[in-house]
Amino acid sequence: DLEALAGQGVLERYRGGARSLLLRGEEPPFALRAQEGVAAKRRI
């Protein structure tokens, strides 16, 4: 999961963990949001 999120620019991997590249109040990347709540978005 951390490798996938690093590929989307959400976080940076380091050995044993990850640090965030998003500030509080920033919008998550499009690629991550596009996977969320798809059924509800299609109903809307």
All heavy atoms as atom14 arrays in JSON, in Angstrom:
{
  "sequence": "DLEALAGQGVLERYRGGARSLLLRGEEPPFALRAQEGVAAKRRI",
  "atom14_mask": [
    [1, 1, 1, 1, 1, 1, 1, 1, 0, 0, 0, 0, 0, 0],
    [1, 1, 1, 1, 1, 1, 1, 1, 0, 0, 0, 0, 0, 0],
    [1, 1, 1, 1, 1, 1, 1, 1, 1, 0, 0, 0, 0, 0],
    [1, 1, 1, 1, 1, 0, 0, 0, 0, 0, 0, 0, 0, 0],
    [1, 1, 1, 1, 1, 1, 1, 1, 0, 0, 0, 0, 0, 0],
    [1, 1, 1, 1, 1, 0, 0, 0, 0, 0, 0, 0, 0, 0],
    [1, 1, 1, 1, 0, 0, 0, 0, 0, 0, 0, 0, 0, 0],
    [1, 1, 1, 1, 1, 1, 1, 1, 1, 0, 0, 0, 0, 0],
    [1, 1, 1, 1, 0, 0, 0, 0, 0, 0, 0, 0, 0, 0],
    [1, 1, 1, 1, 1, 1, 1, 0, 0, 0, 0, 0, 0, 0],
    [1, 1, 1, 1, 1, 1, 1, 1, 0, 0, 0, 0, 0, 0],
    [1, 1, 1, 1, 1, 1, 1, 1, 1, 0, 0, 0, 0, 0],
    [1, 1, 1, 1, 1, 1, 1, 1, 1, 1, 1, 0, 0, 0],
    [1, 1, 1, 1, 1, 1, 1, 1, 1, 1, 1, 1, 0, 0],
    [1, 1, 1, 1, 1, 1, 1, 1, 1, 1, 1, 0, 0, 0],
    [1, 1, 1, 1, 0, 0, 0, 0, 0, 0, 0, 0, 0, 0],
    [1, 1, 1, 1, 0, 0, 0, 0, 0, 0, 0, 0, 0, 0],
    [1, 1, 1, 1, 1, 0, 0, 0, 0, 0, 0, 0, 0, 0],
    [1, 1, 1, 1, 1, 1, 1, 1, 1, 1, 1, 0, 0, 0],
    [1, 1, 1, 1, 1, 1, 0, 0, 0, 0, 0, 0, 0, 0],
    [1, 1, 1, 1, 1, 1, 1, 1, 0, 0, 0, 0, 0, 0],
    [1, 1, 1, 1, 1, 1, 1, 1, 0, 0, 0, 0, 0, 0],
    [1, 1, 1, 1, 1, 1, 1, 1, 0, 0, 0, 0, 0, 0],
    [1, 1, 1, 1, 1, 1, 1, 1, 1, 1, 1, 0, 0, 0],
    [1, 1, 1, 1, 0, 0, 0, 0, 0, 0, 0, 0, 0, 0],
    [1, 1, 1, 1, 1, 1, 1, 1, 1, 0, 0, 0, 0, 0],
    [1, 1, 1, 1, 1, 1, 1, 1, 1, 0, 0, 0, 0, 0],
    [1, 1, 1, 1, 1, 1, 1, 0, 0, 0, 0, 0, 0, 0],
    [1, 1, 1, 1, 1, 1, 1, 0, 0, 0, 0, 0, 0, 0],
    [1, 1, 1, 1, 1, 1, 1, 1, 1, 1, 1, 0, 0, 0],
    [1, 1, 1, 1, 1, 0, 0, 0, 0, 0, 0, 0, 0, 0],
    [1, 1, 1, 1, 1, 1, 1, 1, 0, 0, 0, 0, 0, 0],
    [1, 1, 1, 1, 1, 1, 1, 1, 1, 1, 1, 0, 0, 0],
    [1, 1, 1, 1, 1, 0, 0, 0, 0, 0, 0, 0, 0, 0],
    [1, 1, 1, 1, 1, 1, 1, 1, 1, 0, 0, 0, 0, 0],
    [1, 1, 1, 1, 1, 1, 1, 1, 1, 0, 0, 0, 0, 0],
    [1, 1, 1, 1, 0, 0, 0, 0, 0, 0, 0, 0, 0, 0],
    [1, 1, 1, 1, 1, 1, 1, 0, 0, 0, 0, 0, 0, 0],
    [1, 1, 1, 1, 1, 0, 0, 0, 0, 0, 0, 0, 0, 0],
    [1, 1, 1, 1, 1, 0, 0, 0, 0, 0, 0, 0, 0, 0],
    [1, 1, 1, 1, 1, 1, 1, 1, 1, 0, 0, 0, 0, 0],
    [1, 1, 1, 1, 1, 1, 1, 1, 1, 1, 1, 0, 0, 0],
    [1, 1, 1, 1, 1, 1, 1, 1, 1, 1, 1, 0, 0, 0],
    [1, 1, 1, 1, 1, 1, 1, 1, 0, 0, 0, 0, 0, 0]
  ],
  "atom14_positions": [
    [[0.83, -1.21, 0.0], [0.0, 0.0, 0.0], [0.86, 1.26, 0.0], [0.57, 2.23, -0.71], [-0.91, 0.01, 1.24], [-2.03, -1.02, 1.17], [-2.29, -1.53, 0.06], [-2.62, -1.3, 2.22], [0.0, 0.0, 0.0], [0.0, 0.0, 0.0], [0.0, 0.0, 0.0], [0.0, 0.0, 0.0], [0.0, 0.0, 0.0], [0.0, 0.0, 0.0]],
    [[1.93, 1.25, 0.79], [2.8, 2.42, 0.85], [3.5, 2.67, -0.48], [3.66, 3.82, -0.89], [3.83, 2.25, 1.97], [3.28, 2.24, 3.4], [4.41, 2.03, 4.4], [2.5, 3.51, 3.72], [0.0, 0.0, 0.0], [0.0, 0.0, 0.0], [0.0, 0.0, 0.0], [0.0, 0.0, 0.0], [0.0, 0.0, 0.0], [0.0, 0.0, 0.0]],
    [[3.88, 1.6, -1.17], [4.48, 1.77, -2.49], [3.47, 2.38, -3.46], [3.82, 3.26, -4.26], [4.98, 0.41, -3.02], [6.18, -0.15, -2.29], [7.41, 0.74, -2.39], [7.54, 1.48, -3.38], [8.24, 0.68, -1.46], [0.0, 0.0, 0.0], [0.0, 0.0, 0.0], [0.0, 0.0, 0.0], [0.0, 0.0, 0.0], [0.0, 0.0, 0.0]],
    [[2.21, 1.92, -3.39], [1.17, 2.46, -4.27], [0.94, 3.94, -3.98], [0.82, 4.77, -4.91], [-0.13, 1.67, -4.11], [0.0, 0.0, 0.0], [0.0, 0.0, 0.0], [0.0, 0.0, 0.0], [0.0, 0.0, 0.0], [0.0, 0.0, 0.0], [0.0, 0.0, 0.0], [0.0, 0.0, 0.0], [0.0, 0.0, 0.0], [0.0, 0.0, 0.0]],
    [[0.88, 4.31, -2.7], [0.64, 5.7, -2.33], [1.85, 6.58, -2.67], [1.69, 7.74, -3.04], [0.3, 5.8, -0.84], [-1.05, 5.2, -0.45], [-1.18, 5.11, 1.06], [-2.2, 6.02, -1.03], [0.0, 0.0, 0.0], [0.0, 0.0, 0.0], [0.0, 0.0, 0.0], [0.0, 0.0, 0.0], [0.0, 0.0, 0.0], [0.0, 0.0, 0.0]],
    [[3.04, 6.02, -2.55], [4.24, 6.77, -2.95], [4.2, 7.06, -4.45], [4.58, 8.14, -4.9], [5.5, 5.99, -2.58], [0.0, 0.0, 0.0], [0.0, 0.0, 0.0], [0.0, 0.0, 0.0], [0.0, 0.0, 0.0], [0.0, 0.0, 0.0], [0.0, 0.0, 0.0], [0.0, 0.0, 0.0], [0.0, 0.0, 0.0], [0.0, 0.0, 0.0]],
    [[3.71, 6.1, -5.23], [3.59, 6.29, -6.67], [2.59, 7.37, -7.05], [2.69, 7.98, -8.12], [0.0, 0.0, 0.0], [0.0, 0.0, 0.0], [0.0, 0.0, 0.0], [0.0, 0.0, 0.0], [0.0, 0.0, 0.0], [0.0, 0.0, 0.0], [0.0, 0.0, 0.0], [0.0, 0.0, 0.0], [0.0, 0.0, 0.0], [0.0, 0.0, 0.0]],
    [[1.61, 7.62, -6.16], [0.6, 8.66, -6.4], [1.02, 10.01, -5.83], [0.28, 10.98, -5.92], [-0.74, 8.24, -5.78], [-1.34, 7.02, -6.45], [-2.58, 6.52, -5.72], [-3.1, 7.18, -4.83], [-3.06, 5.35, -6.09], [0.0, 0.0, 0.0], [0.0, 0.0, 0.0], [0.0, 0.0, 0.0], [0.0, 0.0, 0.0], [0.0, 0.0, 0.0]],
    [[2.2, 10.07, -5.23], [2.68, 11.34, -4.68], [2.09, 11.71, -3.35], [2.2, 12.86, -2.92], [0.0, 0.0, 0.0], [0.0, 0.0, 0.0], [0.0, 0.0, 0.0], [0.0, 0.0, 0.0], [0.0, 0.0, 0.0], [0.0, 0.0, 0.0], [0.0, 0.0, 0.0], [0.0, 0.0, 0.0], [0.0, 0.0, 0.0], [0.0, 0.0, 0.0]],
    [[1.47, 10.75, -2.67], [0.82, 11.03, -1.38], [1.83, 11.04, -0.25], [1.72, 11.83, 0.69], [-0.27, 9.97, -1.1], [-0.88, 10.15, 0.28], [-1.35, 10.04, -2.17], [0.0, 0.0, 0.0], [0.0, 0.0, 0.0], [0.0, 0.0, 0.0], [0.0, 0.0, 0.0], [0.0, 0.0, 0.0], [0.0, 0.0, 0.0], [0.0, 0.0, 0.0]],
    [[2.82, 10.14, -0.33], [3.79, 10.01, 0.75], [5.15, 9.59, 0.2], [5.29, 9.25, -0.97], [3.3, 9.04, 1.82], [2.77, 7.67, 1.38], [3.9, 6.72, 1.02], [1.9, 7.06, 2.46], [0.0, 0.0, 0.0], [0.0, 0.0, 0.0], [0.0, 0.0, 0.0], [0.0, 0.0, 0.0], [0.0, 0.0, 0.0], [0.0, 0.0, 0.0]],
    [[6.14, 9.66, 1.09], [7.5, 9.25, 0.73], [7.89, 8.07, 1.61], [7.74, 8.12, 2.84], [8.46, 10.43, 0.95], [9.9, 10.12, 0.61], [10.82, 11.28, 0.92], [10.55, 12.02, 1.89], [11.81, 11.45, 0.19], [0.0, 0.0, 0.0], [0.0, 0.0, 0.0], [0.0, 0.0, 0.0], [0.0, 0.0, 0.0], [0.0, 0.0, 0.0]],
    [[8.37, 7.02, 0.99], [8.78, 5.82, 1.72], [10.16, 6.01, 2.34], [11.02, 6.68, 1.78], [8.83, 4.62, 0.77], [7.48, 4.14, 0.3], [6.77, 3.3, 1.35], [7.26, 1.93, 1.38], [7.86, 1.35, 2.41], [8.09, 2.04, 3.51], [8.25, 0.09, 2.37], [0.0, 0.0, 0.0], [0.0, 0.0, 0.0], [0.0, 0.0, 0.0]],
    [[10.35, 5.45, 3.5], [11.68, 5.25, 4.07], [11.7, 3.86, 4.7], [10.64, 3.24, 4.85], [12.05, 6.34, 5.08], [11.15, 6.43, 6.29], [11.32, 5.58, 7.39], [10.14, 7.38, 6.35], [10.5, 5.67, 8.5], [9.31, 7.47, 7.46], [9.51, 6.62, 8.53], [8.7, 6.69, 9.62], [0.0, 0.0, 0.0], [0.0, 0.0, 0.0]],
    [[12.84, 3.36, 5.02], [12.93, 1.99, 5.53], [12.11, 1.84, 6.81], [12.36, 2.52, 7.81], [14.38, 1.61, 5.79], [14.58, 0.15, 6.19], [16.07, -0.17, 6.31], [16.27, -1.54, 6.73], [16.27, -2.58, 5.9], [16.07, -2.4, 4.59], [16.48, -3.82, 6.34], [0.0, 0.0, 0.0], [0.0, 0.0, 0.0], [0.0, 0.0, 0.0]],
    [[11.09, 1.0, 6.75], [10.26, 0.74, 7.92], [9.05, 1.63, 8.07], [8.29, 1.49, 9.04], [0.0, 0.0, 0.0], [0.0, 0.0, 0.0], [0.0, 0.0, 0.0], [0.0, 0.0, 0.0], [0.0, 0.0, 0.0], [0.0, 0.0, 0.0], [0.0, 0.0, 0.0], [0.0, 0.0, 0.0], [0.0, 0.0, 0.0], [0.0, 0.0, 0.0]],
    [[8.82, 2.55, 7.13], [7.65, 3.41, 7.28], [7.52, 4.41, 6.15], [8.06, 4.21, 5.05], [0.0, 0.0, 0.0], [0.0, 0.0, 0.0], [0.0, 0.0, 0.0], [0.0, 0.0, 0.0], [0.0, 0.0, 0.0], [0.0, 0.0, 0.0], [0.0, 0.0, 0.0], [0.0, 0.0, 0.0], [0.0, 0.0, 0.0], [0.0, 0.0, 0.0]],
    [[6.79, 5.5, 6.4], [6.56, 6.52, 5.38], [6.27, 7.85, 6.04], [5.77, 7.91, 7.17], [5.38, 6.11, 4.49], [0.0, 0.0, 0.0], [0.0, 0.0, 0.0], [0.0, 0.0, 0.0], [0.0, 0.0, 0.0], [0.0, 0.0, 0.0], [0.0, 0.0, 0.0], [0.0, 0.0, 0.0], [0.0, 0.0, 0.0], [0.0, 0.0, 0.0]],
    [[6.59, 8.92, 5.33], [6.26, 10.27, 5.78], [5.32, 10.9, 4.76], [5.41, 10.64, 3.56], [7.51, 11.13, 5.96], [8.32, 11.35, 4.72], [9.52, 12.25, 4.99], [10.43, 11.67, 5.96], [11.39, 10.8, 5.65], [11.56, 10.42, 4.38], [12.18, 10.32, 6.58], [0.0, 0.0, 0.0], [0.0, 0.0, 0.0], [0.0, 0.0, 0.0]],
    [[4.42, 11.74, 5.24], [3.41, 12.34, 4.37], [4.01, 13.44, 3.51], [4.88, 14.19, 3.96], [2.27, 12.92, 5.21], [1.29, 13.5, 4.37], [0.0, 0.0, 0.0], [0.0, 0.0, 0.0], [0.0, 0.0, 0.0], [0.0, 0.0, 0.0], [0.0, 0.0, 0.0], [0.0, 0.0, 0.0], [0.0, 0.0, 0.0], [0.0, 0.0, 0.0]],
    [[3.52, 13.54, 2.28], [3.84, 14.66, 1.4], [2.67, 15.62, 1.27], [2.72, 16.58, 0.52], [4.26, 14.15, 0.02], [5.55, 13.32, -0.03], [5.8, 12.81, -1.44], [6.73, 14.13, 0.48], [0.0, 0.0, 0.0], [0.0, 0.0, 0.0], [0.0, 0.0, 0.0], [0.0, 0.0, 0.0], [0.0, 0.0, 0.0], [0.0, 0.0, 0.0]],
    [[1.57, 15.31, 2.0], [0.39, 16.16, 1.97], [0.31, 16.98, 3.24], [0.51, 16.45, 4.34], [-0.89, 15.32, 1.85], [-1.06, 14.47, 0.6], [-2.32, 13.62, 0.73], [-1.14, 15.35, -0.63], [0.0, 0.0, 0.0], [0.0, 0.0, 0.0], [0.0, 0.0, 0.0], [0.0, 0.0, 0.0], [0.0, 0.0, 0.0], [0.0, 0.0, 0.0]],
    [[0.03, 18.24, 3.1], [-0.21, 19.09, 4.26], [-1.65, 18.94, 4.71], [-2.53, 18.58, 3.94], [0.07, 20.56, 3.92], [1.49, 20.87, 3.44], [1.55, 22.34, 3.01], [2.51, 20.57, 4.51], [0.0, 0.0, 0.0], [0.0, 0.0, 0.0], [0.0, 0.0, 0.0], [0.0, 0.0, 0.0], [0.0, 0.0, 0.0], [0.0, 0.0, 0.0]],
    [[-1.9, 19.21, 5.98], [-3.3, 19.24, 6.43], [-4.06, 20.26, 5.61], [-3.6, 21.36, 5.38], [-3.37, 19.62, 7.91], [-2.91, 18.51, 8.86], [-3.14, 18.92, 10.3], [-2.72, 17.88, 11.23], [-1.49, 17.77, 11.72], [-0.58, 18.65, 11.36], [-1.18, 16.81, 12.55], [0.0, 0.0, 0.0], [0.0, 0.0, 0.0], [0.0, 0.0, 0.0]],
    [[-5.27, 19.9, 5.2], [-6.08, 20.81, 4.39], [-5.85, 20.68, 2.91], [-6.53, 21.33, 2.13], [0.0, 0.0, 0.0], [0.0, 0.0, 0.0], [0.0, 0.0, 0.0], [0.0, 0.0, 0.0], [0.0, 0.0, 0.0], [0.0, 0.0, 0.0], [0.0, 0.0, 0.0], [0.0, 0.0, 0.0], [0.0, 0.0, 0.0], [0.0, 0.0, 0.0]],
    [[-4.87, 19.85, 2.49], [-4.66, 19.63, 1.07], [-5.59, 18.52, 0.58], [-5.95, 17.61, 1.32], [-3.22, 19.2, 0.79], [-2.25, 20.34, 0.67], [-0.91, 19.87, 0.14], [-0.53, 18.72, 0.36], [-0.25, 20.7, -0.51], [0.0, 0.0, 0.0], [0.0, 0.0, 0.0], [0.0, 0.0, 0.0], [0.0, 0.0, 0.0], [0.0, 0.0, 0.0]],
    [[-5.94, 18.61, -0.69], [-6.8, 17.62, -1.3], [-5.99, 16.38, -1.68], [-4.9, 16.5, -2.25], [-7.44, 18.21, -2.56], [-8.48, 17.35, -3.2], [-9.18, 18.07, -4.34], [-8.54, 18.92, -4.98], [-10.35, 17.8, -4.55], [0.0, 0.0, 0.0], [0.0, 0.0, 0.0], [0.0, 0.0, 0.0], [0.0, 0.0, 0.0], [0.0, 0.0, 0.0]],
    [[-6.49, 15.15, -1.38], [-5.79, 13.94, -1.82], [-5.72, 13.89, -3.35], [-6.55, 14.49, -4.04], [-6.67, 12.81, -1.28], [-7.44, 13.42, -0.16], [-7.67, 14.85, -0.56], [0.0, 0.0, 0.0], [0.0, 0.0, 0.0], [0.0, 0.0, 0.0], [0.0, 0.0, 0.0], [0.0, 0.0, 0.0], [0.0, 0.0, 0.0], [0.0, 0.0, 0.0]],
    [[-4.74, 13.19, -3.92], [-4.57, 13.14, -5.36], [-5.78, 12.56, -6.09], [-6.53, 11.74, -5.55], [-3.36, 12.23, -5.54], [-2.62, 12.31, -4.26], [-3.67, 12.48, -3.2], [0.0, 0.0, 0.0], [0.0, 0.0, 0.0], [0.0, 0.0, 0.0], [0.0, 0.0, 0.0], [0.0, 0.0, 0.0], [0.0, 0.0, 0.0], [0.0, 0.0, 0.0]],
    [[-5.95, 13.0, -7.34], [-7.07, 12.56, -8.17], [-7.13, 11.04, -8.27], [-8.2, 10.44, -8.16], [-6.93, 13.17, -9.57], [-8.07, 12.89, -10.49], [-9.14, 13.77, -10.58], [-8.09, 11.75, -11.29], [-10.19, 13.51, -11.44], [-9.13, 11.48, -12.14], [-10.19, 12.37, -12.22], [0.0, 0.0, 0.0], [0.0, 0.0, 0.0], [0.0, 0.0, 0.0]],
    [[-5.97, 10.4, -8.47], [-5.95, 8.95, -8.67], [-6.5, 8.21, -7.45], [-7.16, 7.18, -7.6], [-4.53, 8.48, -8.97], [0.0, 0.0, 0.0], [0.0, 0.0, 0.0], [0.0, 0.0, 0.0], [0.0, 0.0, 0.0], [0.0, 0.0, 0.0], [0.0, 0.0, 0.0], [0.0, 0.0, 0.0], [0.0, 0.0, 0.0], [0.0, 0.0, 0.0]],
    [[-6.25, 8.72, -6.26], [-6.77, 8.1, -5.05], [-8.27, 8.36, -4.92], [-9.05, 7.45, -4.63], [-6.01, 8.63, -3.83], [-6.39, 8.05, -2.47], [-6.15, 6.54, -2.45], [-5.6, 8.73, -1.35], [0.0, 0.0, 0.0], [0.0, 0.0, 0.0], [0.0, 0.0, 0.0], [0.0, 0.0, 0.0], [0.0, 0.0, 0.0], [0.0, 0.0, 0.0]],
    [[-8.69, 9.6, -5.14], [-10.11, 9.93, -5.02], [-10.97, 9.22, -6.06], [-12.13, 8.9, -5.81], [-10.31, 11.45, -5.14], [-9.79, 12.21, -3.94], [-10.07, 13.7, -4.04], [-9.22, 14.35, -5.01], [-9.64, 14.92, -6.13], [-10.93, 14.89, -6.45], [-8.79, 15.51, -6.94], [0.0, 0.0, 0.0], [0.0, 0.0, 0.0], [0.0, 0.0, 0.0]],
    [[-10.39, 8.97, -7.24], [-11.15, 8.32, -8.31], [-11.55, 6.9, -7.94], [-12.5, 6.35, -8.52], [-10.34, 8.31, -9.6], [0.0, 0.0, 0.0], [0.0, 0.0, 0.0], [0.0, 0.0, 0.0], [0.0, 0.0, 0.0], [0.0, 0.0, 0.0], [0.0, 0.0, 0.0], [0.0, 0.0, 0.0], [0.0, 0.0, 0.0], [0.0, 0.0, 0.0]],
    [[-10.86, 6.29, -6.98], [-11.17, 4.92, -6.57], [-12.2, 4.86, -5.46], [-12.68, 3.78, -5.11], [-9.88, 4.23, -6.1], [-8.79, 4.15, -7.16], [-7.47, 3.67, -6.58], [-7.38, 3.3, -5.41], [-6.44, 3.66, -7.41], [0.0, 0.0, 0.0], [0.0, 0.0, 0.0], [0.0, 0.0, 0.0], [0.0, 0.0, 0.0], [0.0, 0.0, 0.0]],
    [[-12.55, 5.99, -4.9], [-13.41, 6.02, -3.71], [-14.87, 6.26, -4.08], [-15.18, 7.11, -4.91], [-12.95, 7.13, -2.76], [-11.54, 6.95, -2.26], [-11.1, 8.13, -1.41], [-11.71, 9.2, -1.52], [-10.15, 7.95, -0.65], [0.0, 0.0, 0.0], [0.0, 0.0, 0.0], [0.0, 0.0, 0.0], [0.0, 0.0, 0.0], [0.0, 0.0, 0.0]],
    [[-15.76, 5.53, -3.42], [-17.19, 5.79, -3.53], [-17.71, 5.78, -4.95], [-18.61, 6.57, -5.28], [0.0, 0.0, 0.0], [0.0, 0.0, 0.0], [0.0, 0.0, 0.0], [0.0, 0.0, 0.0], [0.0, 0.0, 0.0], [0.0, 0.0, 0.0], [0.0, 0.0, 0.0], [0.0, 0.0, 0.0], [0.0, 0.0, 0.0], [0.0, 0.0, 0.0]],
    [[-17.2, 4.89, -5.78], [-17.56, 4.9, -7.2], [-19.06, 4.67, -7.39], [-19.7, 5.33, -8.21], [-16.72, 3.86, -7.98], [-17.2, 3.76, -9.42], [-15.24, 4.23, -7.93], [0.0, 0.0, 0.0], [0.0, 0.0, 0.0], [0.0, 0.0, 0.0], [0.0, 0.0, 0.0], [0.0, 0.0, 0.0], [0.0, 0.0, 0.0], [0.0, 0.0, 0.0]],
    [[-19.63, 3.73, -6.65], [-21.06, 3.43, -6.82], [-21.91, 4.66, -6.5], [-22.86, 4.98, -7.22], [-21.46, 2.25, -5.94], [0.0, 0.0, 0.0], [0.0, 0.0, 0.0], [0.0, 0.0, 0.0], [0.0, 0.0, 0.0], [0.0, 0.0, 0.0], [0.0, 0.0, 0.0], [0.0, 0.0, 0.0], [0.0, 0.0, 0.0], [0.0, 0.0, 0.0]],
    [[-21.58, 5.36, -5.41], [-22.33, 6.57, -5.04], [-22.16, 7.66, -6.09], [-23.13, 8.34, -6.44], [-21.88, 7.07, -3.67], [0.0, 0.0, 0.0], [0.0, 0.0, 0.0], [0.0, 0.0, 0.0], [0.0, 0.0, 0.0], [0.0, 0.0, 0.0], [0.0, 0.0, 0.0], [0.0, 0.0, 0.0], [0.0, 0.0, 0.0], [0.0, 0.0, 0.0]],
    [[-20.95, 7.82, -6.6], [-20.71, 8.84, -7.63], [-21.51, 8.54, -8.89], [-22.04, 9.46, -9.54], [-19.22, 8.93, -7.94], [-18.39, 9.52, -6.81], [-16.9, 9.43, -7.1], [-16.09, 9.94, -5.92], [-14.64, 9.79, -6.13], [0.0, 0.0, 0.0], [0.0, 0.0, 0.0], [0.0, 0.0, 0.0], [0.0, 0.0, 0.0], [0.0, 0.0, 0.0]],
    [[-21.62, 7.27, -9.24], [-22.39, 6.91, -10.43], [-23.88, 7.14, -10.22], [-24.58, 7.55, -11.15], [-22.1, 5.47, -10.82], [-20.7, 5.31, -11.41], [-20.35, 3.88, -11.72], [-19.01, 3.81, -12.31], [-18.32, 2.69, -12.45], [-18.83, 1.52, -12.06], [-17.12, 2.72, -12.99], [0.0, 0.0, 0.0], [0.0, 0.0, 0.0], [0.0, 0.0, 0.0]],
    [[-24.39, 6.9, -9.02], [-25.8, 7.19, -8.73], [-26.04, 8.71, -8.82], [-27.05, 9.15, -9.37], [-26.19, 6.68, -7.35], [-26.25, 5.17, -7.21], [-27.02, 4.75, -5.97], [-26.51, 5.34, -4.74], [-25.54, 4.81, -4.01], [-24.95, 3.68, -4.41], [-25.15, 5.39, -2.89], [0.0, 0.0, 0.0], [0.0, 0.0, 0.0], [0.0, 0.0, 0.0]],
    [[-25.12, 9.47, -8.26], [-25.24, 10.93, -8.34], [-25.23, 11.38, -9.79], [-26.05, 12.21, -10.21], [-24.11, 11.6, -7.54], [-24.31, 11.38, -6.03], [-24.02, 13.1, -7.84], [-23.11, 11.79, -5.18], [0.0, 0.0, 0.0], [0.0, 0.0, 0.0], [0.0, 0.0, 0.0], [0.0, 0.0, 0.0], [0.0, 0.0, 0.0], [0.0, 0.0, 0.0]]
  ]
}
